[in-house]
Amino acid sequence: MSISTWPAAERPRERLLLQGPAALSDAELLAIFLRTGLRGKSAVDLARDLLAGFDGGLSTLAATPARELARRPGLGPAKAAQLAAVMELAQRILHEDVRERDLLSSPAQVRDWLRLKLGGLPHEVFGALWLDSQNRLIAYDELFHGTLSQTSVYPREVVKRALARNAAAVVLVHNHPSGAAEPSRADEALTRALREALALVEVRLVDHLVVAGPRGTVSFAERGLL
């Protein structure tokens, strides 16, 4: 059934205008973007199917290349490009917010940005948020890429990048594509090795965050693992 035949109070666009975007589900927000569905399916039905097809929901959708999105029923090249642009804009908005703050005073924004950036990736990424002496973000670097099971991380390369960025501190981050949020013993050993290597050049390790898709993030500092 077409959304245009629904009662006005139930249509996503009208509900958004009356109640605000926070009142809508992920599928309803995506349906407003899609505008039209397929034969026998409303835009909301199509949006639900799309989200169900991405394990991890919006975070996986955000990490999917536009060329892959274009192959999904109901999208095509034009809508796929528009959707990829919207997702990139969302990342950039969050990144600007992170840049303008003391990073340690806005942990929620940092985690939101990292979940959007890394949460839906099918492979492991190990990165670093380089900070100045006032804990403001200098830059984010993706340092190493791996497979679904492991990433090779070299402390010497991390130290070289810290010096190149003239960083005073760093927040390390990596994702778990499996969705398991708990740090592994290997993660803990790597963190200790990197903390010791960075200390030699007076770069303080503030935290190490594990991003596990929509399940959120785990902080080494909060767990007392640093």
N, C-alpha and C. Protein backbone atom coordinates (compact mmCIF):
# COMPACT_ATOMS: atom_id res chain seq x y z
N MET A 1 0.84 -1.20 0.00
CA MET A 1 0.00 0.00 0.00
C MET A 1 0.88 1.25 0.00
N SER A 2 0.59 2.18 -0.89
CA SER A 2 1.37 3.41 -0.97
C SER A 2 1.19 4.25 0.29
N ILE A 3 2.26 4.92 0.71
CA ILE A 3 2.20 5.76 1.90
C ILE A 3 1.19 6.89 1.73
N SER A 4 0.98 7.32 0.50
CA SER A 4 0.04 8.42 0.25
C SER A 4 -1.39 8.06 0.63
N THR A 5 -1.67 6.75 0.73
CA THR A 5 -3.02 6.31 1.11
C THR A 5 -3.16 6.15 2.62
N TRP A 6 -2.05 6.28 3.36
CA TRP A 6 -2.11 6.14 4.81
C TRP A 6 -2.80 7.36 5.43
N PRO A 7 -3.34 7.21 6.64
CA PRO A 7 -3.83 8.39 7.36
C PRO A 7 -2.69 9.39 7.56
N ALA A 8 -2.98 10.66 7.46
CA ALA A 8 -1.94 11.69 7.53
C ALA A 8 -1.11 11.58 8.80
N ALA A 9 -1.74 11.21 9.90
CA ALA A 9 -1.04 11.14 11.18
C ALA A 9 -0.03 10.00 11.24
N GLU A 10 -0.08 9.07 10.26
CA GLU A 10 0.82 7.93 10.26
C GLU A 10 1.93 8.05 9.22
N ARG A 11 1.84 9.02 8.33
CA ARG A 11 2.84 9.17 7.28
C ARG A 11 4.14 9.72 7.87
N PRO A 12 5.28 9.11 7.51
CA PRO A 12 6.55 9.54 8.10
C PRO A 12 6.85 11.03 7.93
N ARG A 13 6.65 11.56 6.73
CA ARG A 13 6.99 12.98 6.51
C ARG A 13 6.14 13.90 7.36
N GLU A 14 4.83 13.61 7.42
CA GLU A 14 3.95 14.45 8.23
C GLU A 14 4.26 14.32 9.71
N ARG A 15 4.59 13.10 10.14
CA ARG A 15 4.96 12.90 11.55
C ARG A 15 6.24 13.63 11.90
N LEU A 16 7.19 13.64 10.98
CA LEU A 16 8.44 14.36 11.22
C LEU A 16 8.18 15.85 11.41
N LEU A 17 7.34 16.41 10.56
CA LEU A 17 7.05 17.85 10.65
C LEU A 17 6.33 18.20 11.94
N LEU A 18 5.47 17.29 12.42
CA LEU A 18 4.70 17.57 13.62
C LEU A 18 5.46 17.23 14.91
N GLN A 19 6.21 16.11 14.88
CA GLN A 19 6.81 15.60 16.10
C GLN A 19 8.33 15.71 16.15
N GLY A 20 8.94 16.00 15.00
CA GLY A 20 10.39 16.07 14.95
C GLY A 20 10.99 14.74 14.51
N PRO A 21 12.21 14.74 13.98
CA PRO A 21 12.82 13.52 13.44
C PRO A 21 13.09 12.45 14.50
N ALA A 22 13.29 12.84 15.75
CA ALA A 22 13.59 11.86 16.79
C ALA A 22 12.42 10.91 17.03
N ALA A 23 11.21 11.31 16.62
CA ALA A 23 10.02 10.47 16.85
C ALA A 23 9.93 9.34 15.84
N LEU A 24 10.74 9.36 14.80
CA LEU A 24 10.65 8.36 13.73
C LEU A 24 11.67 7.25 13.92
N SER A 25 11.32 6.07 13.45
CA SER A 25 12.25 4.95 13.46
C SER A 25 13.29 5.12 12.36
N ASP A 26 14.34 4.28 12.40
CA ASP A 26 15.35 4.32 11.34
C ASP A 26 14.71 4.07 9.98
N ALA A 27 13.80 3.10 9.92
CA ALA A 27 13.15 2.77 8.64
C ALA A 27 12.30 3.93 8.13
N GLU A 28 11.61 4.62 9.03
CA GLU A 28 10.77 5.74 8.61
C GLU A 28 11.62 6.90 8.10
N LEU A 29 12.73 7.18 8.76
CA LEU A 29 13.63 8.24 8.28
C LEU A 29 14.21 7.89 6.92
N LEU A 30 14.62 6.63 6.76
CA LEU A 30 15.16 6.19 5.48
C LEU A 30 14.09 6.25 4.39
N ALA A 31 12.85 5.94 4.75
CA ALA A 31 11.75 5.98 3.78
C ALA A 31 11.52 7.39 3.25
N ILE A 32 11.67 8.40 4.10
CA ILE A 32 11.52 9.79 3.64
C ILE A 32 12.57 10.10 2.59
N PHE A 33 13.77 9.58 2.79
CA PHE A 33 14.84 9.78 1.81
C PHE A 33 14.51 9.04 0.50
N LEU A 34 14.05 7.80 0.61
CA LEU A 34 13.77 6.98 -0.58
C LEU A 34 12.61 7.53 -1.40
N ARG A 35 11.61 8.08 -0.72
CA ARG A 35 10.42 8.70 -1.33
C ARG A 35 9.45 7.69 -1.92
N THR A 36 9.94 6.72 -2.68
CA THR A 36 9.06 5.74 -3.32
C THR A 36 9.52 4.33 -3.00
N GLY A 37 8.58 3.40 -3.07
CA GLY A 37 8.91 2.01 -2.83
C GLY A 37 8.99 1.23 -4.13
N LEU A 38 8.63 -0.05 -4.06
CA LEU A 38 8.58 -0.91 -5.22
C LEU A 38 7.16 -1.44 -5.39
N ARG A 39 6.93 -2.13 -6.46
CA ARG A 39 5.60 -2.69 -6.67
C ARG A 39 5.23 -3.60 -5.49
N GLY A 40 4.14 -3.28 -4.83
CA GLY A 40 3.68 -4.08 -3.70
C GLY A 40 4.33 -3.73 -2.38
N LYS A 41 5.26 -2.75 -2.39
CA LYS A 41 5.95 -2.37 -1.16
C LYS A 41 5.98 -0.86 -1.04
N SER A 42 5.64 -0.36 0.13
CA SER A 42 5.75 1.07 0.39
C SER A 42 7.21 1.43 0.60
N ALA A 43 7.51 2.72 0.66
CA ALA A 43 8.88 3.16 0.94
C ALA A 43 9.34 2.69 2.31
N VAL A 44 8.43 2.63 3.28
CA VAL A 44 8.79 2.14 4.61
C VAL A 44 9.15 0.65 4.55
N ASP A 45 8.35 -0.13 3.80
CA ASP A 45 8.66 -1.56 3.64
C ASP A 45 10.03 -1.74 2.99
N LEU A 46 10.29 -0.95 1.96
CA LEU A 46 11.58 -1.03 1.27
C LEU A 46 12.71 -0.66 2.22
N ALA A 47 12.52 0.38 3.02
CA ALA A 47 13.54 0.79 3.97
C ALA A 47 13.81 -0.31 5.00
N ARG A 48 12.76 -0.96 5.47
CA ARG A 48 12.94 -2.06 6.43
C ARG A 48 13.73 -3.20 5.80
N ASP A 49 13.42 -3.51 4.54
CA ASP A 49 14.15 -4.57 3.84
C ASP A 49 15.62 -4.21 3.69
N LEU A 50 15.89 -2.95 3.35
CA LEU A 50 17.28 -2.51 3.19
C LEU A 50 18.05 -2.65 4.50
N LEU A 51 17.45 -2.17 5.59
CA LEU A 51 18.13 -2.24 6.88
C LEU A 51 18.34 -3.68 7.33
N ALA A 52 17.35 -4.53 7.05
CA ALA A 52 17.47 -5.94 7.42
C ALA A 52 18.57 -6.63 6.62
N GLY A 53 18.84 -6.11 5.42
CA GLY A 53 19.88 -6.69 4.58
C GLY A 53 21.29 -6.28 4.96
N PHE A 54 21.40 -5.34 5.90
CA PHE A 54 22.71 -4.90 6.37
C PHE A 54 22.84 -5.29 7.83
N ASP A 55 23.64 -6.31 8.09
CA ASP A 55 23.86 -6.73 9.48
C ASP A 55 24.54 -5.59 10.21
N GLY A 56 23.88 -5.02 11.19
CA GLY A 56 24.41 -3.85 11.88
C GLY A 56 23.60 -2.61 11.59
N GLY A 57 22.64 -2.71 10.62
CA GLY A 57 21.74 -1.59 10.39
C GLY A 57 22.42 -0.38 9.80
N LEU A 58 22.16 0.77 10.38
CA LEU A 58 22.62 2.04 9.82
C LEU A 58 24.14 2.14 9.76
N SER A 59 24.83 1.61 10.77
CA SER A 59 26.28 1.72 10.77
C SER A 59 26.89 0.95 9.59
N THR A 60 26.33 -0.22 9.28
CA THR A 60 26.80 -0.99 8.12
C THR A 60 26.42 -0.29 6.82
N LEU A 61 25.22 0.25 6.78
CA LEU A 61 24.78 1.00 5.61
C LEU A 61 25.71 2.18 5.34
N ALA A 62 26.12 2.86 6.40
CA ALA A 62 26.99 4.03 6.25
C ALA A 62 28.36 3.65 5.70
N ALA A 63 28.80 2.43 5.98
CA ALA A 63 30.14 2.01 5.54
C ALA A 63 30.13 1.31 4.18
N THR A 64 28.96 1.14 3.59
CA THR A 64 28.85 0.42 2.32
C THR A 64 29.14 1.34 1.14
N PRO A 65 30.04 0.95 0.22
CA PRO A 65 30.34 1.79 -0.94
C PRO A 65 29.10 2.04 -1.79
N ALA A 66 29.05 3.22 -2.42
CA ALA A 66 27.89 3.60 -3.24
C ALA A 66 27.64 2.60 -4.37
N ARG A 67 28.70 2.07 -4.95
CA ARG A 67 28.52 1.13 -6.08
C ARG A 67 27.82 -0.15 -5.63
N GLU A 68 28.04 -0.55 -4.35
CA GLU A 68 27.34 -1.73 -3.83
C GLU A 68 25.89 -1.38 -3.49
N LEU A 69 25.68 -0.19 -2.93
CA LEU A 69 24.31 0.25 -2.64
C LEU A 69 23.47 0.30 -3.92
N ALA A 70 24.10 0.70 -5.01
CA ALA A 70 23.37 0.86 -6.27
C ALA A 70 22.77 -0.44 -6.77
N ARG A 71 23.32 -1.57 -6.31
CA ARG A 71 22.81 -2.87 -6.76
C ARG A 71 21.62 -3.34 -5.94
N ARG A 72 21.29 -2.62 -4.86
CA ARG A 72 20.17 -3.02 -4.01
C ARG A 72 18.84 -2.64 -4.65
N PRO A 73 17.85 -3.53 -4.59
CA PRO A 73 16.53 -3.22 -5.17
C PRO A 73 15.95 -1.94 -4.57
N GLY A 74 15.47 -1.06 -5.45
CA GLY A 74 14.85 0.17 -4.99
C GLY A 74 15.79 1.34 -4.83
N LEU A 75 17.09 1.11 -5.03
CA LEU A 75 18.04 2.23 -4.92
C LEU A 75 18.49 2.70 -6.29
N GLY A 76 19.40 1.98 -6.91
CA GLY A 76 19.93 2.44 -8.18
C GLY A 76 21.03 3.47 -7.98
N PRO A 77 21.76 3.84 -9.04
CA PRO A 77 22.92 4.73 -8.92
C PRO A 77 22.61 6.09 -8.31
N ALA A 78 21.50 6.72 -8.71
CA ALA A 78 21.22 8.08 -8.24
C ALA A 78 20.94 8.10 -6.73
N LYS A 79 20.04 7.24 -6.27
CA LYS A 79 19.72 7.22 -4.85
C LYS A 79 20.90 6.72 -4.02
N ALA A 80 21.66 5.77 -4.57
CA ALA A 80 22.83 5.27 -3.86
C ALA A 80 23.85 6.38 -3.64
N ALA A 81 24.08 7.19 -4.67
CA ALA A 81 25.02 8.31 -4.54
C ALA A 81 24.51 9.33 -3.54
N GLN A 82 23.22 9.61 -3.57
CA GLN A 82 22.64 10.57 -2.61
C GLN A 82 22.76 10.05 -1.18
N LEU A 83 22.49 8.76 -1.00
CA LEU A 83 22.55 8.18 0.34
C LEU A 83 23.99 8.18 0.86
N ALA A 84 24.94 7.83 -0.01
CA ALA A 84 26.35 7.86 0.39
C ALA A 84 26.78 9.28 0.78
N ALA A 85 26.27 10.27 0.03
CA ALA A 85 26.59 11.66 0.35
C ALA A 85 26.01 12.08 1.70
N VAL A 86 24.78 11.64 1.99
CA VAL A 86 24.16 11.96 3.28
C VAL A 86 24.96 11.35 4.42
N MET A 87 25.37 10.10 4.27
CA MET A 87 26.14 9.43 5.31
C MET A 87 27.48 10.13 5.53
N GLU A 88 28.12 10.55 4.44
CA GLU A 88 29.41 11.24 4.56
C GLU A 88 29.22 12.60 5.25
N LEU A 89 28.13 13.30 4.93
CA LEU A 89 27.85 14.57 5.60
C LEU A 89 27.67 14.36 7.10
N ALA A 90 26.97 13.29 7.48
CA ALA A 90 26.77 13.00 8.90
C ALA A 90 28.11 12.78 9.60
N GLN A 91 29.02 12.05 8.95
CA GLN A 91 30.35 11.84 9.53
C GLN A 91 31.10 13.16 9.67
N ARG A 92 31.01 14.01 8.66
CA ARG A 92 31.76 15.27 8.69
C ARG A 92 31.20 16.22 9.75
N ILE A 93 29.88 16.21 9.94
CA ILE A 93 29.28 17.05 10.99
C ILE A 93 29.79 16.62 12.36
N LEU A 94 29.78 15.30 12.61
CA LEU A 94 30.28 14.80 13.88
C LEU A 94 31.77 15.09 14.04
N HIS A 95 32.52 14.97 12.94
CA HIS A 95 33.96 15.23 13.00
C HIS A 95 34.24 16.69 13.34
N GLU A 96 33.47 17.61 12.76
CA GLU A 96 33.65 19.03 13.09
C GLU A 96 33.36 19.28 14.56
N ASP A 97 32.32 18.63 15.08
CA ASP A 97 31.98 18.79 16.49
C ASP A 97 33.10 18.30 17.38
N VAL A 98 33.70 17.16 17.00
CA VAL A 98 34.81 16.60 17.77
C VAL A 98 36.02 17.52 17.71
N ARG A 99 36.30 18.07 16.54
CA ARG A 99 37.48 18.93 16.38
C ARG A 99 37.44 20.18 17.24
N GLU A 100 36.24 20.71 17.46
CA GLU A 100 36.12 22.00 18.13
C GLU A 100 36.11 21.89 19.65
N ARG A 101 36.21 20.68 20.19
CA ARG A 101 36.10 20.50 21.63
C ARG A 101 37.37 19.89 22.22
N ASP A 102 37.49 20.02 23.53
CA ASP A 102 38.42 19.20 24.28
C ASP A 102 37.90 17.77 24.14
N LEU A 103 38.69 16.91 23.52
CA LEU A 103 38.21 15.57 23.18
C LEU A 103 37.75 14.81 24.42
N LEU A 104 38.43 15.02 25.53
CA LEU A 104 38.11 14.28 26.75
C LEU A 104 36.85 14.79 27.41
N SER A 105 36.39 15.98 27.02
CA SER A 105 35.16 16.53 27.61
C SER A 105 33.91 16.14 26.81
N SER A 106 34.10 15.48 25.66
CA SER A 106 32.95 15.11 24.81
C SER A 106 33.08 13.67 24.33
N PRO A 107 33.19 12.72 25.26
CA PRO A 107 33.38 11.32 24.84
C PRO A 107 32.22 10.76 24.04
N ALA A 108 30.99 11.22 24.30
CA ALA A 108 29.83 10.70 23.57
C ALA A 108 29.92 11.03 22.08
N GLN A 109 30.31 12.28 21.76
CA GLN A 109 30.42 12.68 20.36
C GLN A 109 31.52 11.88 19.65
N VAL A 110 32.63 11.66 20.37
CA VAL A 110 33.73 10.89 19.78
C VAL A 110 33.27 9.48 19.46
N ARG A 111 32.57 8.86 20.39
CA ARG A 111 32.12 7.48 20.17
C ARG A 111 31.07 7.41 19.07
N ASP A 112 30.19 8.38 19.00
CA ASP A 112 29.19 8.41 17.92
C ASP A 112 29.88 8.47 16.56
N TRP A 113 30.88 9.34 16.47
CA TRP A 113 31.59 9.50 15.20
C TRP A 113 32.33 8.21 14.82
N LEU A 114 32.98 7.59 15.81
CA LEU A 114 33.73 6.37 15.52
C LEU A 114 32.81 5.21 15.15
N ARG A 115 31.65 5.13 15.79
CA ARG A 115 30.70 4.07 15.43
C ARG A 115 30.22 4.25 14.00
N LEU A 116 29.94 5.50 13.62
CA LEU A 116 29.49 5.77 12.26
C LEU A 116 30.59 5.48 11.25
N LYS A 117 31.83 5.77 11.61
CA LYS A 117 32.95 5.62 10.68
C LYS A 117 33.43 4.17 10.57
N LEU A 118 33.45 3.46 11.70
CA LEU A 118 34.06 2.13 11.71
C LEU A 118 33.09 0.99 11.99
N GLY A 119 31.93 1.30 12.56
CA GLY A 119 31.06 0.26 13.07
C GLY A 119 30.55 -0.73 12.05
N GLY A 120 30.43 -0.31 10.79
CA GLY A 120 29.87 -1.21 9.78
C GLY A 120 30.90 -1.82 8.85
N LEU A 121 32.17 -1.60 9.09
CA LEU A 121 33.19 -2.12 8.18
C LEU A 121 33.32 -3.64 8.31
N PRO A 122 33.54 -4.35 7.18
CA PRO A 122 33.66 -5.81 7.23
C PRO A 122 35.07 -6.28 7.57
N HIS A 123 36.01 -5.36 7.71
CA HIS A 123 37.40 -5.72 8.02
C HIS A 123 37.88 -4.87 9.19
N GLU A 124 38.94 -5.32 9.83
CA GLU A 124 39.48 -4.58 10.96
C GLU A 124 40.29 -3.36 10.50
N VAL A 125 40.11 -2.28 11.23
CA VAL A 125 40.89 -1.06 11.02
C VAL A 125 41.45 -0.65 12.37
N PHE A 126 42.72 -0.26 12.38
CA PHE A 126 43.35 0.25 13.59
C PHE A 126 43.73 1.70 13.32
N GLY A 127 43.23 2.61 14.16
CA GLY A 127 43.47 4.03 13.94
C GLY A 127 43.89 4.76 15.18
N ALA A 128 44.15 6.05 15.02
CA ALA A 128 44.61 6.88 16.14
C ALA A 128 44.03 8.28 16.02
N LEU A 129 43.52 8.78 17.13
CA LEU A 129 43.10 10.17 17.26
C LEU A 129 44.23 10.91 17.95
N TRP A 130 44.96 11.73 17.20
CA TRP A 130 46.11 12.45 17.74
C TRP A 130 45.65 13.75 18.40
N LEU A 131 46.12 14.02 19.61
CA LEU A 131 45.69 15.18 20.37
C LEU A 131 46.85 16.11 20.65
N ASP A 132 46.53 17.42 20.80
CA ASP A 132 47.56 18.37 21.22
C ASP A 132 47.61 18.42 22.75
N SER A 133 48.36 19.34 23.29
CA SER A 133 48.55 19.40 24.75
C SER A 133 47.28 19.81 25.49
N GLN A 134 46.29 20.35 24.75
CA GLN A 134 45.01 20.73 25.36
C GLN A 134 43.90 19.73 25.03
N ASN A 135 44.31 18.56 24.60
CA ASN A 135 43.39 17.46 24.27
C ASN A 135 42.46 17.78 23.11
N ARG A 136 42.87 18.69 22.23
CA ARG A 136 42.10 18.95 21.02
C ARG A 136 42.60 18.06 19.90
N LEU A 137 41.68 17.69 19.02
CA LEU A 137 42.02 16.76 17.95
C LEU A 137 42.91 17.43 16.91
N ILE A 138 44.06 16.83 16.65
CA ILE A 138 44.94 17.27 15.56
C ILE A 138 44.50 16.59 14.26
N ALA A 139 44.34 15.28 14.33
CA ALA A 139 43.98 14.51 13.15
C ALA A 139 43.58 13.10 13.55
N TYR A 140 42.85 12.45 12.66
CA TYR A 140 42.56 11.02 12.81
C TYR A 140 43.25 10.30 11.66
N ASP A 141 44.01 9.25 11.98
CA ASP A 141 44.69 8.46 10.97
C ASP A 141 44.27 7.01 11.08
N GLU A 142 43.92 6.40 9.95
CA GLU A 142 43.77 4.95 9.90
C GLU A 142 45.15 4.40 9.57
N LEU A 143 45.71 3.66 10.52
CA LEU A 143 47.11 3.26 10.42
C LEU A 143 47.30 1.88 9.80
N PHE A 144 46.40 0.95 10.12
CA PHE A 144 46.55 -0.42 9.63
C PHE A 144 45.19 -0.99 9.27
N HIS A 145 45.16 -1.84 8.24
CA HIS A 145 43.94 -2.53 7.84
C HIS A 145 44.21 -4.02 7.86
N GLY A 146 43.21 -4.79 8.26
CA GLY A 146 43.40 -6.23 8.36
C GLY A 146 42.24 -7.01 7.82
N THR A 147 42.16 -8.24 8.26
CA THR A 147 41.10 -9.14 7.85
C THR A 147 40.01 -9.15 8.91
N LEU A 148 39.08 -10.09 8.79
CA LEU A 148 38.04 -10.21 9.80
C LEU A 148 38.59 -10.65 11.14
N SER A 149 39.75 -11.27 11.16
CA SER A 149 40.24 -11.86 12.40
C SER A 149 41.39 -11.11 13.05
N GLN A 150 42.22 -10.42 12.28
CA GLN A 150 43.37 -9.79 12.90
C GLN A 150 43.93 -8.65 12.07
N THR A 151 44.65 -7.78 12.76
CA THR A 151 45.35 -6.68 12.11
C THR A 151 46.77 -6.67 12.63
N SER A 152 47.73 -6.52 11.75
CA SER A 152 49.12 -6.40 12.16
C SER A 152 49.42 -4.94 12.46
N VAL A 153 49.79 -4.66 13.69
CA VAL A 153 50.05 -3.30 14.13
C VAL A 153 51.51 -3.23 14.58
N TYR A 154 52.25 -2.25 14.05
CA TYR A 154 53.67 -2.13 14.34
C TYR A 154 53.92 -0.89 15.19
N PRO A 155 54.34 -1.08 16.46
CA PRO A 155 54.56 0.06 17.35
C PRO A 155 55.48 1.13 16.76
N ARG A 156 56.51 0.70 16.04
CA ARG A 156 57.45 1.69 15.48
C ARG A 156 56.74 2.63 14.53
N GLU A 157 55.82 2.11 13.71
CA GLU A 157 55.08 2.94 12.76
C GLU A 157 54.13 3.89 13.49
N VAL A 158 53.54 3.42 14.59
CA VAL A 158 52.66 4.28 15.38
C VAL A 158 53.46 5.43 15.97
N VAL A 159 54.63 5.14 16.50
CA VAL A 159 55.48 6.19 17.08
C VAL A 159 55.91 7.19 16.00
N LYS A 160 56.28 6.70 14.83
CA LYS A 160 56.68 7.60 13.74
C LYS A 160 55.55 8.55 13.37
N ARG A 161 54.32 8.05 13.33
CA ARG A 161 53.19 8.91 12.99
C ARG A 161 52.91 9.91 14.11
N ALA A 162 53.07 9.48 15.35
CA ALA A 162 52.88 10.40 16.49
C ALA A 162 53.84 11.58 16.40
N LEU A 163 55.10 11.29 16.06
CA LEU A 163 56.09 12.36 15.93
C LEU A 163 55.77 13.25 14.73
N ALA A 164 55.32 12.65 13.64
CA ALA A 164 54.98 13.43 12.44
C ALA A 164 53.82 14.37 12.71
N ARG A 165 52.89 13.94 13.55
CA ARG A 165 51.72 14.75 13.90
C ARG A 165 52.01 15.73 15.04
N ASN A 166 53.22 15.61 15.62
CA ASN A 166 53.58 16.46 16.76
C ASN A 166 52.54 16.33 17.88
N ALA A 167 52.14 15.12 18.15
CA ALA A 167 51.07 14.86 19.11
C ALA A 167 51.60 14.83 20.54
N ALA A 168 50.76 15.29 21.46
CA ALA A 168 51.06 15.19 22.89
C ALA A 168 50.38 13.99 23.52
N ALA A 169 49.30 13.53 22.90
CA ALA A 169 48.53 12.41 23.43
C ALA A 169 47.81 11.72 22.29
N VAL A 170 47.25 10.55 22.58
CA VAL A 170 46.58 9.79 21.54
C VAL A 170 45.47 8.93 22.15
N VAL A 171 44.40 8.78 21.39
CA VAL A 171 43.36 7.78 21.67
C VAL A 171 43.43 6.76 20.54
N LEU A 172 43.77 5.53 20.88
CA LEU A 172 43.80 4.48 19.88
C LEU A 172 42.40 3.91 19.69
N VAL A 173 42.14 3.38 18.51
CA VAL A 173 40.81 2.82 18.24
C VAL A 173 40.94 1.70 17.22
N HIS A 174 40.18 0.64 17.43
CA HIS A 174 40.05 -0.37 16.39
C HIS A 174 38.66 -0.97 16.47
N ASN A 175 38.23 -1.59 15.39
CA ASN A 175 36.89 -2.15 15.35
C ASN A 175 36.94 -3.67 15.39
N HIS A 176 35.84 -4.26 15.85
CA HIS A 176 35.65 -5.70 15.83
C HIS A 176 34.50 -6.01 14.87
N PRO A 177 34.77 -6.39 13.64
CA PRO A 177 33.69 -6.67 12.68
C PRO A 177 32.76 -7.78 13.14
N SER A 178 33.24 -8.66 14.01
CA SER A 178 32.41 -9.75 14.51
C SER A 178 31.27 -9.25 15.39
N GLY A 179 31.39 -8.01 15.89
CA GLY A 179 30.37 -7.47 16.78
C GLY A 179 30.64 -7.75 18.24
N ALA A 180 31.69 -8.52 18.53
CA ALA A 180 32.05 -8.80 19.93
C ALA A 180 32.74 -7.59 20.51
N ALA A 181 32.17 -7.05 21.56
CA ALA A 181 32.69 -5.79 22.10
C ALA A 181 33.89 -5.97 23.02
N GLU A 182 34.02 -7.14 23.63
CA GLU A 182 35.06 -7.33 24.63
C GLU A 182 36.46 -7.33 24.02
N PRO A 183 37.40 -6.58 24.61
CA PRO A 183 38.79 -6.62 24.14
C PRO A 183 39.37 -8.02 24.35
N SER A 184 40.20 -8.45 23.42
CA SER A 184 40.85 -9.75 23.55
C SER A 184 42.16 -9.61 24.33
N ARG A 185 42.72 -10.74 24.71
CA ARG A 185 44.03 -10.71 25.38
C ARG A 185 45.08 -10.10 24.46
N ALA A 186 44.96 -10.39 23.15
CA ALA A 186 45.90 -9.80 22.19
C ALA A 186 45.75 -8.28 22.15
N ASP A 187 44.51 -7.78 22.24
CA ASP A 187 44.27 -6.33 22.28
C ASP A 187 44.95 -5.71 23.50
N GLU A 188 44.85 -6.39 24.64
CA GLU A 188 45.44 -5.87 25.88
C GLU A 188 46.97 -5.85 25.77
N ALA A 189 47.54 -6.92 25.22
CA ALA A 189 49.00 -6.98 25.08
C ALA A 189 49.51 -5.91 24.12
N LEU A 190 48.79 -5.72 23.01
CA LEU A 190 49.17 -4.69 22.04
C LEU A 190 49.10 -3.31 22.68
N THR A 191 48.08 -3.05 23.46
CA THR A 191 47.92 -1.75 24.09
C THR A 191 49.07 -1.46 25.04
N ARG A 192 49.49 -2.45 25.80
CA ARG A 192 50.63 -2.26 26.72
C ARG A 192 51.90 -1.95 25.93
N ALA A 193 52.10 -2.68 24.83
CA ALA A 193 53.31 -2.45 24.02
C ALA A 193 53.31 -1.05 23.42
N LEU A 194 52.15 -0.61 22.94
CA LEU A 194 52.07 0.72 22.35
C LEU A 194 52.22 1.82 23.40
N ARG A 195 51.64 1.60 24.57
CA ARG A 195 51.78 2.60 25.65
C ARG A 195 53.25 2.79 26.01
N GLU A 196 53.98 1.68 26.12
CA GLU A 196 55.41 1.77 26.47
C GLU A 196 56.21 2.42 25.36
N ALA A 197 55.90 2.10 24.10
CA ALA A 197 56.63 2.69 22.98
C ALA A 197 56.36 4.19 22.88
N LEU A 198 55.12 4.59 23.06
CA LEU A 198 54.76 6.01 22.97
C LEU A 198 55.32 6.81 24.14
N ALA A 199 55.43 6.18 25.28
CA ALA A 199 55.98 6.87 26.45
C ALA A 199 57.43 7.28 26.22
N LEU A 200 58.14 6.53 25.40
CA LEU A 200 59.55 6.85 25.12
C LEU A 200 59.69 8.17 24.38
N VAL A 201 58.64 8.58 23.66
CA VAL A 201 58.68 9.87 22.95
C VAL A 201 57.70 10.87 23.60
N GLU A 202 57.32 10.59 24.84
CA GLU A 202 56.49 11.49 25.65
C GLU A 202 55.13 11.77 25.02
N VAL A 203 54.54 10.74 24.44
CA VAL A 203 53.16 10.83 23.94
C VAL A 203 52.29 9.99 24.87
N ARG A 204 51.31 10.62 25.46
CA ARG A 204 50.47 9.97 26.47
C ARG A 204 49.34 9.19 25.81
N LEU A 205 49.19 7.93 26.22
CA LEU A 205 48.08 7.12 25.74
C LEU A 205 46.87 7.38 26.64
N VAL A 206 45.88 8.07 26.11
CA VAL A 206 44.70 8.46 26.88
C VAL A 206 43.71 7.32 27.00
N ASP A 207 43.49 6.60 25.88
CA ASP A 207 42.50 5.53 25.88
C ASP A 207 42.70 4.67 24.65
N HIS A 208 42.10 3.51 24.68
CA HIS A 208 42.02 2.64 23.52
C HIS A 208 40.57 2.19 23.45
N LEU A 209 39.89 2.52 22.35
CA LEU A 209 38.47 2.23 22.19
C LEU A 209 38.28 1.09 21.20
N VAL A 210 37.40 0.16 21.56
CA VAL A 210 37.01 -0.92 20.66
C VAL A 210 35.60 -0.63 20.17
N VAL A 211 35.44 -0.52 18.86
CA VAL A 211 34.14 -0.25 18.25
C VAL A 211 33.54 -1.57 17.77
N ALA A 212 32.35 -1.87 18.27
CA ALA A 212 31.69 -3.13 17.92
C ALA A 212 30.33 -2.86 17.29
N GLY A 213 30.33 -2.14 16.17
CA GLY A 213 29.11 -1.87 15.44
C GLY A 213 28.08 -1.16 16.28
N PRO A 214 26.80 -1.49 16.09
CA PRO A 214 25.73 -0.81 16.82
C PRO A 214 25.72 -1.15 18.30
N ARG A 215 26.52 -2.15 18.71
CA ARG A 215 26.56 -2.52 20.12
C ARG A 215 27.34 -1.51 20.95
N GLY A 216 27.99 -0.57 20.28
CA GLY A 216 28.67 0.49 21.02
C GLY A 216 30.17 0.33 21.06
N THR A 217 30.78 0.94 22.06
CA THR A 217 32.23 0.93 22.21
C THR A 217 32.62 0.51 23.61
N VAL A 218 33.82 -0.02 23.72
CA VAL A 218 34.40 -0.37 25.01
C VAL A 218 35.66 0.44 25.19
N SER A 219 35.81 1.04 26.37
CA SER A 219 36.95 1.88 26.68
C SER A 219 37.92 1.14 27.58
N PHE A 220 39.19 1.06 27.17
CA PHE A 220 40.22 0.46 28.01
C PHE A 220 40.40 1.26 29.29
N ALA A 221 40.34 2.58 29.18
CA ALA A 221 40.53 3.43 30.36
C ALA A 221 39.42 3.17 31.39
N GLU A 222 38.18 3.08 30.93
CA GLU A 222 37.08 2.82 31.85
C GLU A 222 37.15 1.44 32.47
N ARG A 223 37.76 0.50 31.77
CA ARG A 223 37.90 -0.85 32.29
C ARG A 223 39.13 -1.00 33.19
N GLY A 224 39.93 0.07 33.30
CA GLY A 224 41.15 -0.01 34.10
C GLY A 224 42.24 -0.84 33.45
N LEU A 225 42.25 -0.88 32.11
CA LEU A 225 43.21 -1.71 31.38
C LEU A 225 44.41 -0.91 30.88
N LEU A 226 44.48 0.37 31.21
CA LEU A 226 45.65 1.16 30.79
C LEU A 226 46.65 1.27 31.94
